[in-house]
């Protein structure tokens, strides 16, 4: 169990496996990855961050929990991906993501990301200026999202000056630059 205030840097030539670890409290990124990082059966809870995992190479996350995360404006509160990310059988819950111009979600993808059999439960997007984005998945790259469950997610517009027609909130936001395959998901 780690209460961290430092970052694990994974270099280009490294292969790192993290299994059965708990990361509680702290602020900032837990991992900055430029190698191959695999995280299995781990928990990240009560963290204030811009991106818990910042990936520039290859990250695999399996059977892990991201719980009660909070952000200042960020791109990918749980995972910010600029490389290749595979996320399976993981839970993202009870987190709050703030955004000024947009809310970029728990998962932000500008590379290739596969999200399979994950649960997104009770996450909130807080819009400061414009109600565009998501609390869950924001895609600018190539996304494959299948067999996921989205339940009790919501939005909150601080300004409350925008009419209902201005709201562009969804669980998966695909930017014009992105391409997405989204199939066999379930929404409550």
Protein backbone atom coordinates (compact mmCIF):
# COMPACT_ATOMS: atom_id res chain seq x y z
CA UNK A 1 0.00 0.00 0.00
CA UNK A 2 1.42 3.35 -1.07
CA UNK A 3 0.53 6.85 0.02
CA UNK A 4 2.53 8.64 -2.59
CA UNK A 5 3.83 12.10 -3.23
CA UNK A 6 6.28 11.07 -5.93
CA UNK A 7 6.13 9.66 -9.45
CA UNK A 8 7.25 6.33 -10.86
CA UNK A 9 8.98 7.02 -14.18
CA UNK A 10 9.11 4.09 -16.59
CA UNK A 11 11.85 4.66 -19.18
CA UNK A 12 11.83 3.70 -22.87
CA UNK A 13 13.81 0.52 -22.33
CA UNK A 14 11.87 -0.69 -19.29
CA UNK A 15 9.14 -3.29 -18.86
CA UNK A 16 7.42 -2.81 -15.49
CA UNK A 17 4.70 -5.00 -13.95
CA UNK A 18 2.66 -3.66 -11.04
CA UNK A 19 0.48 -6.27 -9.31
CA UNK A 20 -1.77 -6.13 -6.25
CA UNK A 21 -0.78 -2.61 -5.23
CA UNK A 22 -2.87 0.09 -3.56
CA UNK A 23 -2.20 3.79 -4.16
CA UNK A 24 -4.04 6.07 -1.71
CA UNK A 25 -4.06 9.82 -1.29
CA UNK A 26 -1.41 12.05 -2.73
CA UNK A 27 -1.43 14.32 -5.72
CA UNK A 28 0.08 14.31 -9.17
CA UNK A 29 0.78 11.39 -11.48
CA UNK A 30 1.56 7.97 -10.02
CA UNK A 31 3.15 6.80 -13.28
CA UNK A 32 4.74 8.53 -16.25
CA UNK A 33 5.29 5.79 -18.80
CA UNK A 34 7.63 5.79 -21.77
CA UNK A 35 8.21 2.01 -21.78
CA UNK A 36 5.89 -0.95 -21.30
CA UNK A 37 3.78 -0.72 -18.14
CA UNK A 38 1.33 -3.42 -17.02
CA UNK A 39 -0.92 -2.81 -14.00
CA UNK A 40 -3.00 -5.70 -12.65
CA UNK A 41 -5.32 -6.05 -9.62
CA UNK A 42 -4.40 -2.61 -8.27
CA UNK A 43 -6.37 0.22 -6.67
CA UNK A 44 -5.97 3.99 -7.05
CA UNK A 45 -8.11 5.90 -4.54
CA UNK A 46 -8.55 9.46 -3.19
CA UNK A 47 -6.01 11.00 -5.54
CA UNK A 48 -5.90 14.61 -6.73
CA UNK A 49 -4.22 14.60 -10.12
CA UNK A 50 -4.12 15.78 -13.70
CA UNK A 51 -3.43 12.18 -14.83
CA UNK A 52 -2.80 9.26 -12.49
CA UNK A 53 -1.17 7.38 -15.39
CA UNK A 54 0.44 9.45 -18.15
CA UNK A 55 1.26 7.11 -21.04
CA UNK A 56 3.52 7.90 -23.99
CA UNK A 57 4.28 4.30 -25.00
CA UNK A 58 2.39 1.09 -24.01
CA UNK A 59 0.20 0.63 -20.95
CA UNK A 60 -1.98 -2.37 -20.04
CA UNK A 61 -4.43 -2.04 -17.14
CA UNK A 62 -6.38 -5.12 -16.03
CA UNK A 63 -8.73 -5.84 -13.13
CA UNK A 64 -7.97 -2.54 -11.39
CA UNK A 65 -10.04 0.10 -9.58
CA UNK A 66 -9.88 3.89 -9.92
CA UNK A 67 -12.02 5.29 -7.09
CA UNK A 68 -12.74 8.82 -5.81
CA UNK A 69 -10.28 10.64 -8.05
CA UNK A 70 -10.49 14.43 -8.34
CA UNK A 71 -8.93 16.76 -10.88
CA UNK A 72 -8.17 20.33 -11.56
CA UNK A 73 -8.67 20.79 -15.30
CA UNK A 74 -6.96 17.76 -16.80
CA UNK A 75 -6.82 15.51 -19.83
CA UNK A 76 -7.50 11.98 -18.65
CA UNK A 77 -7.78 11.99 -14.88
CA UNK A 78 -7.20 8.22 -14.54
CA UNK A 79 -5.29 7.54 -17.78
CA UNK A 80 -4.00 10.08 -20.29
CA UNK A 81 -2.88 8.13 -23.37
CA UNK A 82 -0.61 9.36 -26.16
CA UNK A 83 0.60 5.88 -27.13
CA UNK A 84 -1.15 2.50 -26.95
CA UNK A 85 -3.45 1.63 -24.04
CA UNK A 86 -5.39 -1.55 -23.31
CA UNK A 87 -7.82 -1.35 -20.38
CA UNK A 88 -9.85 -4.42 -19.39
CA UNK A 89 -12.14 -5.47 -16.54
CA UNK A 90 -11.52 -2.31 -14.54
CA UNK A 91 -13.80 -0.02 -12.52
CA UNK A 92 -13.86 3.78 -12.65
CA UNK A 93 -16.15 5.17 -9.95
CA UNK A 94 -17.13 8.12 -7.76
CA UNK A 95 -14.73 10.53 -9.44
CA UNK A 96 -15.08 14.24 -10.27
CA UNK A 97 -13.46 15.82 -13.30
CA UNK A 98 -13.33 19.60 -13.73
CA UNK A 99 -12.88 21.41 -17.02
CA UNK A 100 -12.76 25.02 -18.14
CA UNK A 101 -13.31 24.89 -21.90
CA UNK A 102 -13.98 21.14 -21.99
CA UNK A 103 -14.01 18.17 -19.65
CA UNK A 104 -11.60 15.54 -20.95
CA UNK A 105 -12.76 12.55 -18.91
CA UNK A 106 -11.26 9.83 -16.76
CA UNK A 107 -9.78 8.32 -19.91
CA UNK A 108 -8.26 10.63 -22.52
CA UNK A 109 -6.99 9.11 -25.75
CA UNK A 110 -4.81 10.73 -28.39
CA UNK A 111 -3.21 7.45 -29.54
CA UNK A 112 -4.82 4.00 -29.71
CA UNK A 113 -7.01 2.84 -26.81
CA UNK A 114 -9.00 -0.36 -26.30
CA UNK A 115 -11.48 -0.31 -23.39
CA UNK A 116 -13.23 -3.62 -22.74
CA UNK A 117 -15.56 -4.90 -20.02
CA UNK A 118 -15.10 -1.88 -17.74
CA UNK A 119 -17.60 -0.22 -15.40
CA UNK A 120 -18.01 3.57 -15.23
CA UNK A 121 -20.14 4.30 -12.17
CA UNK A 122 -21.22 7.61 -10.58
CA UNK A 123 -18.62 9.88 -12.20
CA UNK A 124 -19.28 13.62 -12.51
CA UNK A 125 -18.15 16.15 -15.09
CA UNK A 126 -18.07 19.73 -13.76
CA UNK A 127 -18.16 22.33 -16.53
CA UNK A 128 -16.75 25.76 -15.71
CA UNK A 129 -17.09 27.63 -19.02
CA UNK A 130 -18.61 25.41 -21.71
CA UNK A 131 -20.59 22.19 -21.28
CA UNK A 132 -18.63 20.09 -23.78
CA UNK A 133 -17.00 16.77 -22.95
CA UNK A 134 -17.47 13.83 -20.63
CA UNK A 135 -16.66 12.42 -17.22
CA UNK A 136 -15.68 9.09 -18.76
CA UNK A 137 -13.96 8.65 -22.16
CA UNK A 138 -12.72 11.52 -24.37
CA UNK A 139 -11.24 10.41 -27.69
CA UNK A 140 -9.09 12.32 -30.17
CA UNK A 141 -7.26 9.22 -31.47
CA UNK A 142 -8.42 5.70 -32.30
CA UNK A 143 -10.80 4.12 -29.78
CA UNK A 144 -12.27 0.63 -29.49
CA UNK A 145 -14.80 0.51 -26.61
CA UNK A 146 -16.77 -2.73 -26.18
CA UNK A 147 -18.76 -4.51 -23.46
CA UNK A 148 -18.58 -1.58 -21.00
CA UNK A 149 -21.22 -0.46 -18.50
CA UNK A 150 -22.05 3.22 -17.87
CA UNK A 151 -24.28 3.86 -14.82
CA UNK A 152 -25.29 6.92 -12.76
CA UNK A 153 -22.82 9.30 -14.45
CA UNK A 154 -23.77 12.97 -14.53
CA UNK A 155 -22.79 16.53 -15.27
CA UNK A 156 -22.87 19.81 -13.39
CA UNK A 157 -22.58 23.19 -15.10
CA UNK A 158 -21.17 25.75 -12.63
CA UNK A 159 -22.33 28.74 -14.64
CA UNK A 160 -25.77 27.34 -15.38
CA UNK A 161 -26.08 29.99 -18.08
CA UNK A 162 -26.16 27.52 -20.92
CA UNK A 163 -29.50 26.26 -22.15
CA UNK A 164 -30.18 22.58 -22.64
CA UNK A 165 -29.32 22.93 -26.33
CA UNK A 166 -25.75 23.91 -25.41
CA UNK A 167 -25.04 20.73 -23.46
CA UNK A 168 -22.86 18.28 -25.32
CA UNK A 169 -22.38 15.73 -22.55
CA UNK A 170 -22.16 12.04 -23.25
CA UNK A 171 -20.33 9.09 -21.68
CA UNK A 172 -18.02 8.70 -24.67
CA UNK A 173 -17.03 11.90 -26.48
CA UNK A 174 -15.40 11.43 -29.88
CA UNK A 175 -13.72 14.61 -31.10
CA UNK A 176 -13.72 15.36 -34.82
CA UNK A 177 -10.09 14.24 -35.07
CA UNK A 178 -10.87 10.85 -33.50
CA UNK A 179 -12.28 7.59 -34.80
CA UNK A 180 -14.23 5.27 -32.55
CA UNK A 181 -15.69 1.78 -32.65
CA UNK A 182 -18.24 1.60 -29.86
CA UNK A 183 -20.31 -1.56 -29.67
CA UNK A 184 -22.00 -3.89 -27.18
CA UNK A 185 -21.96 -1.35 -24.31
CA UNK A 186 -24.73 -0.86 -21.74
CA UNK A 187 -26.12 2.40 -20.38
CA UNK A 188 -28.37 2.89 -17.35
